[in-house]
C-alpha atoms as a PDB file:
ATOM      1  CA  MET A   1      -0.166  -0.146  -0.004  1.00  0.00           C
ATOM      2  CA  GLU A   2       2.957   2.354   0.859  1.00  0.00           C
ATOM      3  CA  GLU A   3       4.709   1.587  -2.481  1.00  0.00           C
ATOM      4  CA  HIS A   4       1.262   2.453  -4.355  1.00  0.00           C
ATOM      5  CA  LYS A   5       1.459   5.826  -2.782  1.00  0.00           C
ATOM      6  CA  GLU A   6       5.091   6.520  -3.142  1.00  0.00           C
ATOM      7  CA  ASP A   7       4.301   5.639  -6.949  1.00  0.00           C
ATOM      8  CA  LYS A   8       1.290   8.295  -7.187  1.00  0.00           C
ATOM      9  CA  VAL A   9       3.702  10.858  -5.823  1.00  0.00           C
ATOM     10  CA  ILE A  10       6.627  10.253  -8.228  1.00  0.00           C
ATOM     11  CA  ALA A  11       3.813  10.105 -10.915  1.00  0.00           C
ATOM     12  CA  MET A  12       2.324  13.753  -9.792  1.00  0.00           C
ATOM     13  CA  LYS A  13       5.684  15.211  -9.824  1.00  0.00           C
ATOM     14  CA  THR A  14       6.570  13.929 -13.243  1.00  0.00           C
ATOM     15  CA  HIS A  15       3.522  15.543 -14.750  1.00  0.00           C
ATOM     16  CA  LYS A  16       4.329  18.694 -13.186  1.00  0.00           C
ATOM     17  CA  LYS A  17       7.712  18.992 -14.385  1.00  0.00           C
ATOM     18  CA  GLN A  18       6.222  17.945 -18.034  1.00  0.00           C
ATOM     19  CA  LYS A  19       4.016  20.997 -17.807  1.00  0.00           C
ATOM     20  CA  LYS A  20       6.605  23.021 -16.853  1.00  0.00           C
ATOM     21  CA  LEU A  21       8.851  21.804 -19.751  1.00  0.00           C
ATOM     22  CA  SER A  22       6.005  22.283 -22.287  1.00  0.00           C
ATOM     23  CA  ALA A  23       5.573  25.823 -21.293  1.00  0.00           C
ATOM     24  CA  ILE A  24       8.948  26.908 -22.277  1.00  0.00           C
ATOM     25  CA  PRO A  25       8.760  26.091 -26.277  1.00  0.00           C
ATOM     26  CA  PHE A  26       5.639  27.952 -26.361  1.00  0.00           C
ATOM     27  CA  LYS A  27       7.448  31.037 -25.185  1.00  0.00           C
ATOM     28  CA  LYS A  28      10.428  30.737 -27.351  1.00  0.00           C
ATOM     29  CA  ILE A  29       7.685  30.442 -30.476  1.00  0.00           C
ATOM     30  CA  LEU A  30       5.806  33.327 -29.243  1.00  0.00           C
ATOM     31  CA  LEU A  31       9.124  35.337 -28.919  1.00  0.00           C
ATOM     32  CA  GLY A  32      10.461  34.138 -32.037  1.00  0.00           C
ATOM     33  CA  ILE A  33       7.303  35.093 -34.108  1.00  0.00           C
ATOM     34  CA  VAL A  34       7.103  38.689 -32.765  1.00  0.00           C
ATOM     35  CA  ALA A  35      10.672  38.751 -33.522  1.00  0.00           C
ATOM     36  CA  CYS A  36       9.986  38.044 -37.061  1.00  0.00           C
ATOM     37  CA  LEU A  37       7.085  40.518 -37.389  1.00  0.00           C
ATOM     38  CA  ILE A  38       9.543  43.317 -35.966  1.00  0.00           C
ATOM     39  CA  LEU A  39      12.129  42.341 -38.535  1.00  0.00           C
ATOM     40  CA  ALA A  40       9.791  42.237 -41.362  1.00  0.00           C
ATOM     41  CA  VAL A  41       8.375  45.674 -40.424  1.00  0.00           C
ATOM     42  CA  VAL A  42      12.283  47.023 -40.493  1.00  0.00           C
ATOM     43  CA  ILE A  43      12.742  45.302 -43.737  1.00  0.00           C
ATOM     44  CA  ILE A  44       9.222  46.666 -45.238  1.00  0.00           C
ATOM     45  CA  ALA A  45       9.988  50.192 -44.052  1.00  0.00           C
ATOM     46  CA  GLY A  46      13.605  50.133 -45.675  1.00  0.00           C
ATOM     47  CA  THR A  47      12.940  48.660 -49.004  1.00  0.00           C
ATOM     48  CA  CYS A  48       9.030  49.948 -49.878  1.00  0.00           C
ATOM     49  CA  GLN A  49       9.613  53.500 -50.097  1.00  0.00           C
ATOM     50  CA  ILE A  50       7.326  54.468 -53.249  1.00  0.00           C
ATOM     51  CA  LYS A  51       9.435  55.812 -55.825  1.00  0.00           C
ATOM     52  CA  GLU A  52       7.026  55.581 -58.681  1.00  0.00           C
ATOM     53  CA  ILE A  53       3.345  56.421 -58.905  1.00  0.00           C
ATOM     54  CA  LYS A  54       1.131  55.242 -61.970  1.00  0.00           C
ATOM     55  CA  ILE A  55      -2.185  56.693 -62.224  1.00  0.00           C
ATOM     56  CA  ASP A  56      -4.615  54.362 -64.586  1.00  0.00           C
ATOM     57  CA  GLY A  57      -8.387  54.723 -65.644  1.00  0.00           C
ATOM     58  CA  LEU A  58      -8.175  58.629 -66.246  1.00  0.00           C
ATOM     59  CA  ASP A  59     -10.998  60.305 -68.457  1.00  0.00           C
ATOM     60  CA  SER A  60     -11.218  64.083 -67.526  1.00  0.00           C
ATOM     61  CA  TYR A  61      -8.538  64.834 -65.123  1.00  0.00           C
ATOM     62  CA  THR A  62      -4.759  64.718 -65.655  1.00  0.00           C
ATOM     63  CA  GLU A  63      -2.225  62.584 -64.119  1.00  0.00           C
ATOM     64  CA  ALA A  64      -0.708  65.738 -62.089  1.00  0.00           C
ATOM     65  CA  GLU A  65      -4.187  66.530 -60.632  1.00  0.00           C
ATOM     66  CA  VAL A  66      -4.641  62.472 -59.228  1.00  0.00           C
ATOM     67  CA  LYS A  67      -1.083  62.840 -58.014  1.00  0.00           C
ATOM     68  CA  LYS A  68      -1.289  66.000 -56.332  1.00  0.00           C
ATOM     69  CA  ALA A  69      -4.853  64.677 -54.521  1.00  0.00           C
ATOM     70  CA  VAL A  70      -3.041  61.464 -53.611  1.00  0.00           C
ATOM     71  CA  ILE A  71      -0.139  63.171 -51.697  1.00  0.00           C
ATOM     72  CA  GLU A  72      -2.470  65.542 -49.944  1.00  0.00           C
ATOM     73  CA  LYS A  73      -5.336  63.109 -48.956  1.00  0.00           C
ATOM     74  CA  GLY A  74      -3.494  60.957 -46.380  1.00  0.00           C
ATOM     75  CA  TYR A  75      -0.697  59.552 -48.421  1.00  0.00           C
ATOM     76  CA  VAL A  76       1.977  56.982 -46.953  1.00  0.00           C
ATOM     77  CA  ASP A  77       5.356  56.840 -48.502  1.00  0.00           C
ATOM     78  CA  ASN A  78       5.595  53.352 -48.254  1.00  0.00           C
ATOM     79  CA  SER A  79       3.913  51.347 -50.729  1.00  0.00           C
ATOM     80  CA  VAL A  80       2.711  47.938 -48.766  1.00  0.00           C
ATOM     81  CA  ALA A  81       1.401  50.525 -45.736  1.00  0.00           C
ATOM     82  CA  TYR A  82      -0.277  52.761 -48.371  1.00  0.00           C
ATOM     83  CA  TYR A  83      -1.993  49.772 -50.127  1.00  0.00           C
ATOM     84  CA  ILE A  84      -3.166  48.448 -46.628  1.00  0.00           C
ATOM     85  CA  LYS A  85      -4.359  52.008 -45.735  1.00  0.00           C
ATOM     86  CA  CYS A  86      -6.520  52.251 -48.925  1.00  0.00           C
ATOM     87  CA  LYS A  87      -7.882  48.731 -48.576  1.00  0.00           C
ATOM     88  CA  LEU A  88      -9.268  49.910 -45.199  1.00  0.00           C
ATOM     89  CA  SER A  89     -10.413  53.169 -45.817  1.00  0.00           C
ATOM     90  CA  GLN A  90     -10.336  54.604 -49.906  1.00  0.00           C
ATOM     91  CA  PRO A  91      -9.226  58.345 -49.393  1.00  0.00           C
ATOM     92  CA  GLU A  92     -11.906  61.151 -51.357  1.00  0.00           C
ATOM     93  CA  LEU A  93      -9.121  62.279 -53.648  1.00  0.00           C
ATOM     94  CA  LEU A  94     -11.329  64.520 -56.468  1.00  0.00           C
ATOM     95  CA  PRO A  95     -14.940  65.408 -56.185  1.00  0.00           C
ATOM     96  CA  PHE A  96     -15.584  63.482 -59.601  1.00  0.00           C
ATOM     97  CA  ILE A  97     -13.628  60.336 -58.839  1.00  0.00           C
ATOM     98  CA  GLU A  98     -16.204  57.741 -57.804  1.00  0.00           C
ATOM     99  CA  SER A  99     -13.539  55.062 -56.791  1.00  0.00           C
ATOM    100  CA  MET A 100      -9.801  54.067 -56.429  1.00  0.00           C
ATOM    101  CA  SER A 101      -7.797  51.058 -55.940  1.00  0.00           C
ATOM    102  CA  VAL A 102      -4.082  50.623 -55.404  1.00  0.00           C
ATOM    103  CA  GLU A 103      -2.066  47.872 -57.027  1.00  0.00           C
ATOM    104  CA  LEU A 104       1.526  46.715 -55.984  1.00  0.00           C
ATOM    105  CA  GLU A 105       3.347  46.600 -59.212  1.00  0.00           C
ATOM    106  CA  SER A 106       6.852  46.375 -57.021  1.00  0.00           C
ATOM    107  CA  PRO A 107       8.112  47.386 -53.529  1.00  0.00           C
ATOM    108  CA  ASN A 108       8.743  50.827 -54.790  1.00  0.00           C
ATOM    109  CA  LYS A 109       5.912  51.322 -57.771  1.00  0.00           C
ATOM    110  CA  ILE A 110       2.314  51.494 -56.977  1.00  0.00           C
ATOM    111  CA  CYS A 111      -0.626  51.982 -59.691  1.00  0.00           C
ATOM    112  CA  ILE A 112      -3.469  53.912 -58.720  1.00  0.00           C
ATOM    113  CA  HIS A 113      -6.675  52.716 -60.544  1.00  0.00           C
ATOM    114  CA  VAL A 114      -9.426  55.195 -60.871  1.00  0.00           C
ATOM    115  CA  LYS A 115     -13.021  55.460 -61.976  1.00  0.00           C
ATOM    116  CA  GLU A 116     -14.278  58.901 -62.657  1.00  0.00           C
ATOM    117  CA  LYS A 117     -17.964  59.778 -62.463  1.00  0.00           C
ATOM    118  CA  LYS A 118     -19.788  61.802 -65.390  1.00  0.00           C
ATOM    119  CA  ARG A 119     -19.978  65.481 -65.036  1.00  0.00           C
ATOM    120  CA  ALA A 120     -23.740  66.132 -66.266  1.00  0.00           C
ATOM    121  CA  GLY A 121     -23.045  69.936 -67.210  1.00  0.00           C
ATOM    122  CA  CYS A 122     -21.520  73.266 -66.429  1.00  0.00           C
ATOM    123  CA  LEU A 123     -22.497  76.765 -65.442  1.00  0.00           C
ATOM    124  CA  GLU A 124     -20.636  80.018 -65.896  1.00  0.00           C
ATOM    125  CA  TYR A 125     -20.055  81.784 -62.638  1.00  0.00           C
ATOM    126  CA  ASN A 126     -17.641  84.239 -61.071  1.00  0.00           C
ATOM    127  CA  GLY A 127     -15.784  83.695 -64.232  1.00  0.00           C
ATOM    128  CA  ARG A 128     -15.108  79.998 -63.930  1.00  0.00           C
ATOM    129  CA  TYR A 129     -17.054  76.927 -64.690  1.00  0.00           C
ATOM    130  CA  VAL A 130     -18.698  75.337 -61.982  1.00  0.00           C
ATOM    131  CA  TYR A 131     -19.687  71.729 -62.775  1.00  0.00           C
ATOM    132  CA  PHE A 132     -22.488  69.459 -61.331  1.00  0.00           C
ATOM    133  CA  ASP A 133     -23.276  65.968 -61.439  1.00  0.00           C
ATOM    134  CA  LYS A 134     -26.639  64.026 -62.337  1.00  0.00           C
ATOM    135  CA  ASN A 135     -28.183  64.893 -58.900  1.00  0.00           C
ATOM    136  CA  GLY A 136     -27.872  68.615 -59.512  1.00  0.00           C
ATOM    137  CA  TYR A 137     -24.835  68.956 -56.741  1.00  0.00           C
ATOM    138  CA  ALA A 138     -22.236  71.825 -57.616  1.00  0.00           C
ATOM    139  CA  LEU A 139     -18.938  69.645 -57.147  1.00  0.00           C
ATOM    140  CA  GLU A 140     -16.271  71.555 -58.753  1.00  0.00           C
ATOM    141  CA  SER A 141     -14.750  74.991 -59.847  1.00  0.00           C
ATOM    142  CA  TYR A 142     -12.458  75.408 -62.530  1.00  0.00           C
ATOM    143  CA  GLN A 143     -10.926  78.074 -65.030  1.00  0.00           C
ATOM    144  CA  LYS A 144     -10.786  75.363 -67.834  1.00  0.00           C
ATOM    145  CA  LYS A 145     -13.758  74.062 -69.776  1.00  0.00           C
ATOM    146  CA  TYR A 146     -14.064  70.250 -70.652  1.00  0.00           C
ATOM    147  CA  ASP A 147     -15.016  69.764 -74.093  1.00  0.00           C
ATOM    148  CA  ASP A 148     -17.387  66.855 -73.787  1.00  0.00           C
ATOM    149  CA  VAL A 149     -19.197  68.593 -70.990  1.00  0.00           C
ATOM    150  CA  PRO A 150     -22.275  70.996 -72.075  1.00  0.00           C
ATOM    151  CA  LEU A 151     -22.473  74.237 -70.731  1.00  0.00           C
ATOM    152  CA  VAL A 152     -25.625  75.112 -69.389  1.00  0.00           C
ATOM    153  CA  THR A 153     -26.962  78.795 -70.326  1.00  0.00           C
ATOM    154  CA  GLY A 154     -30.462  80.630 -69.543  1.00  0.00           C
ATOM    155  CA  LEU A 155     -30.971  78.897 -66.330  1.00  0.00           C
ATOM    156  CA  LYS A 156     -32.047  81.041 -63.327  1.00  0.00           C
ATOM    157  CA  TYR A 157     -30.378  80.412 -59.950  1.00  0.00           C
ATOM    158  CA  ASP A 158     -29.352  82.264 -56.610  1.00  0.00           C
ATOM    159  CA  GLU A 159     -25.520  82.227 -55.329  1.00  0.00           C
ATOM    160  CA  LEU A 160     -23.971  78.927 -55.908  1.00  0.00           C
ATOM    161  CA  VAL A 161     -22.527  76.760 -52.928  1.00  0.00           C
ATOM    162  CA  MET A 162     -19.917  74.166 -53.535  1.00  0.00           C
ATOM    163  CA  GLN A 163     -21.081  70.486 -52.425  1.00  0.00           C
ATOM    164  CA  GLU A 164     -24.867  71.892 -52.360  1.00  0.00           C
ATOM    165  CA  LYS A 165     -27.571  71.479 -54.762  1.00  0.00           C
ATOM    166  CA  ILE A 166     -27.987  74.371 -57.527  1.00  0.00           C
ATOM    167  CA  PRO A 167     -30.727  76.408 -55.911  1.00  0.00           C
ATOM    168  CA  VAL A 168     -32.882  77.007 -59.077  1.00  0.00           C
ATOM    169  CA  GLU A 169     -36.019  79.317 -59.152  1.00  0.00           C
ATOM    170  CA  LYS A 170     -37.981  76.630 -60.897  1.00  0.00           C
ATOM    171  CA  LYS A 171     -37.056  72.799 -59.830  1.00  0.00           C
ATOM    172  CA  GLU A 172     -39.287  71.003 -62.594  1.00  0.00           C
ATOM    173  CA  ILE A 173     -37.148  72.927 -64.928  1.00  0.00           C
ATOM    174  CA  PHE A 174     -33.753  71.712 -63.284  1.00  0.00           C
ATOM    175  CA  THR A 175     -35.248  68.306 -63.466  1.00  0.00           C
ATOM    176  CA  TYR A 176     -35.832  68.576 -66.878  1.00  0.00           C
ATOM    177  CA  LEU A 177     -32.485  69.720 -67.591  1.00  0.00           C
ATOM    178  CA  LEU A 178     -30.982  66.635 -65.437  1.00  0.00           C
ATOM    179  CA  GLU A 179     -32.896  64.351 -67.568  1.00  0.00           C
ATOM    180  CA  LEU A 180     -31.530  66.105 -70.608  1.00  0.00           C
ATOM    181  CA  THR A 181     -27.783  65.958 -69.564  1.00  0.00           C
ATOM    182  CA  MET A 182     -28.225  62.338 -69.067  1.00  0.00           C
ATOM    183  CA  THR A 183     -29.919  61.309 -72.242  1.00  0.00           C
ATOM    184  CA  ILE A 184     -27.167  63.482 -74.105  1.00  0.00           C
ATOM    185  CA  ASP A 185     -24.365  61.423 -72.157  1.00  0.00           C
ATOM    186  CA  LYS A 186     -26.078  57.929 -72.760  1.00  0.00           C
ATOM    187  CA  TYR A 187     -26.282  58.673 -76.632  1.00  0.00           C
ATOM    188  CA  GLN A 188     -23.021  60.436 -76.919  1.00  0.00           C
ATOM    189  CA  LEU A 189     -24.237  63.318 -78.700  1.00  0.00           C
ATOM    190  CA  PRO A 190     -21.587  66.242 -79.404  1.00  0.00           C
ATOM    191  CA  ILE A 191     -23.513  68.836 -77.499  1.00  0.00           C
ATOM    192  CA  ASP A 192     -21.606  72.196 -76.429  1.00  0.00           C
ATOM    193  CA  GLN A 193     -24.257  74.257 -75.110  1.00  0.00           C
ATOM    194  CA  ILE A 194     -27.826  73.685 -73.594  1.00  0.00           C
ATOM    195  CA  HIS A 195     -29.423  76.855 -73.453  1.00  0.00           C
ATOM    196  CA  ILE A 196     -32.684  77.227 -71.451  1.00  0.00           C
ATOM    197  CA  LYS A 197     -35.348  79.571 -72.444  1.00  0.00           C
ATOM    198  CA  SER A 198     -37.604  81.672 -70.840  1.00  0.00           C
ATOM    199  CA  ASP A 199     -40.601  79.160 -71.398  1.00  0.00           C
ATOM    200  CA  GLY A 200     -38.258  76.482 -70.145  1.00  0.00           C
ATOM    201  CA  ASN A 201     -37.602  74.899 -73.243  1.00  0.00           C
ATOM    202  CA  ALA A 202     -34.227  73.979 -74.402  1.00  0.00           C
ATOM    203  CA  LEU A 203     -32.241  74.870 -77.499  1.00  0.00           C
ATOM    204  CA  LEU A 204     -28.884  72.453 -77.927  1.00  0.00           C
ATOM    205  CA  MET A 205     -25.842  73.501 -80.118  1.00  0.00           C
ATOM    206  CA  SER A 206     -23.471  71.384 -81.666  1.00  0.00           C
ATOM    207  CA  GLY A 207     -20.716  73.415 -83.607  1.00  0.00           C
ATOM    208  CA  ASP A 208     -22.821  75.601 -86.112  1.00  0.00           C
ATOM    209  CA  LEU A 209     -26.161  73.633 -85.497  1.00  0.00           C
ATOM    210  CA  THR A 210     -28.858  74.878 -83.201  1.00  0.00           C
ATOM    211  CA  VAL A 211     -31.527  72.151 -82.280  1.00  0.00           C
ATOM    212  CA  ASP A 212     -34.969  73.314 -81.162  1.00  0.00           C
ATOM    213  CA  LEU A 213     -36.413  70.534 -79.002  1.00  0.00           C
ATOM    214  CA  TYR A 214     -39.696  72.964 -79.079  1.00  0.00           C
ATOM    215  CA  ASN A 215     -40.904  71.264 -75.950  1.00  0.00           C
ATOM    216  CA  ARG A 216     -40.042  68.885 -72.843  1.00  0.00           C
ATOM    217  CA  LYS A 217     -41.936  65.891 -73.986  1.00  0.00           C
ATOM    218  CA  ASP A 218     -40.239  62.502 -75.899  1.00  0.00           C
ATOM    219  CA  ILE A 219     -36.898  63.245 -74.795  1.00  0.00           C
ATOM    220  CA  ASP A 220     -36.436  59.508 -74.906  1.00  0.00           C
ATOM    221  CA  ILE A 221     -37.144  59.425 -78.885  1.00  0.00           C
ATOM    222  CA  LYS A 222     -35.946  62.787 -79.810  1.00  0.00           C
ATOM    223  CA  ILE A 223     -32.372  62.354 -78.351  1.00  0.00           C
ATOM    224  CA  PRO A 224     -31.625  59.038 -80.152  1.00  0.00           C
ATOM    225  CA  GLU A 225     -32.891  60.256 -83.684  1.00  0.00           C
ATOM    226  CA  LEU A 226     -30.733  63.433 -83.144  1.00  0.00           C
ATOM    227  CA  SER A 227     -27.669  61.253 -82.972  1.00  0.00           C
ATOM    228  CA  GLY A 228     -28.145  60.444 -86.620  1.00  0.00           C
ATOM    229  CA  ILE A 229     -29.402  63.693 -87.769  1.00  0.00           C
ATOM    230  CA  LEU A 230     -26.358  65.280 -86.332  1.00  0.00           C
ATOM    231  CA  LYS A 231     -23.919  63.286 -88.037  1.00  0.00           C
ATOM    232  CA  LYS A 232     -25.727  63.697 -91.420  1.00  0.00           C
ATOM    233  CA  LEU A 233     -25.463  67.629 -90.937  1.00  0.00           C
ATOM    234  CA  LYS A 234     -22.031  68.049 -89.865  1.00  0.00           C
ATOM    235  CA  GLY A 235     -20.250  70.751 -91.007  1.00  0.00           C
ATOM    236  CA  LYS A 236     -23.310  72.613 -91.988  1.00  0.00           C
ATOM    237  CA  SER A 237     -24.888  75.549 -90.127  1.00  0.00           C
ATOM    238  CA  GLY A 238     -28.583  76.176 -89.458  1.00  0.00           C
ATOM    239  CA  THR A 239     -31.328  75.061 -86.965  1.00  0.00           C
ATOM    240  CA  ILE A 240     -32.965  71.446 -86.495  1.00  0.00           C
ATOM    241  CA  ASP A 241     -36.630  71.922 -85.679  1.00  0.00           C
ATOM    242  CA  MET A 242     -38.302  69.374 -83.653  1.00  0.00           C
ATOM    243  CA  LYS A 243     -41.481  71.135 -83.236  1.00  0.00           C
ATOM    244  CA  TYR A 244     -43.585  68.589 -85.131  1.00  0.00           C
ATOM    245  CA  PHE A 245     -41.665  65.504 -83.642  1.00  0.00           C
ATOM    246  CA  ASP A 246     -43.322  63.106 -81.773  1.00  0.00           C
ATOM    247  CA  GLU A 247     -43.820  59.199 -81.445  1.00  0.00           C
ATOM    248  CA  ASP A 248     -46.223  59.002 -84.519  1.00  0.00           C
ATOM    249  CA  GLN A 249     -44.411  61.444 -86.781  1.00  0.00           C
ATOM    250  CA  LYS A 250     -41.016  61.549 -86.717  1.00  0.00           C
ATOM    251  CA  ILE A 251     -40.625  65.308 -88.491  1.00  0.00           C
ATOM    252  CA  THR A 252     -37.635  67.169 -88.269  1.00  0.00           C
ATOM    253  CA  LEU A 253     -37.005  70.264 -90.241  1.00  0.00           C
ATOM    254  CA  PHE A 254     -33.660  71.741 -90.955  1.00  0.00           C
ATOM    255  CA  ARG A 255     -33.419  75.298 -91.901  1.00  0.00           C
ATOM    256  CA  PRO A 256     -30.085  76.279 -93.314  1.00  0.00           C
ATOM    257  CA  LYS A 257     -28.452  79.636 -92.127  1.00  0.00           C
ATOM    258  CA  LYS A 258     -28.670  82.552 -94.475  1.00  0.00           C
ATOM    259  CA  SER A 259     -24.967  83.541 -95.761  1.00  0.00           C
END
């Protein structure tokens, strides 16, 4: 009986020793992992400094404009760190950049892929061009005029405030204008200017051609029809009258400009 008790005591002592021994390797492994992580951070910090930034997917903005915005909006001069940062939260680079993503091309080179959103139109205000989006928000004020963005004239509004909706007097006319700009963009019509007349109807200017839409009806069929008409009359000057145009009778009159 005494022998059995002695065996039990020895067994317990052996078990405690084993527990102690098994704890030592775990601490060493943990310290090793921490040391490796610190070493990796040091290596990344020393070898992944950004030396070249490429910009891809530009439509209207220039590479210089986007690079400037990148540097000013939470830039980190380390390719891996900047990649991770942009994965967690995308910086808002410019008003008409819808999204951006960072690609690591090498430890010292990144490529920023951007997707621009369309400018619906622009207004002349205080000697500058104010660009608005499809929801009617004034987002950008530039001295330059983009060729593919129609200039809107004749619209009555109060003071423009950036990042806010354009405060037009008649909401229904502005709703019509936004529908018009979106349809023009959809069918890629080469319209330079949209003039809102006093009665709320629109004139479209394309080079030396003026299109009188006459009323606010049937935009969805007038604009697609115009695509072919403008191609046929390219290089000519005069007025395209759509007074008699509707779904049943697609009548369009052309009055050449008198020389």
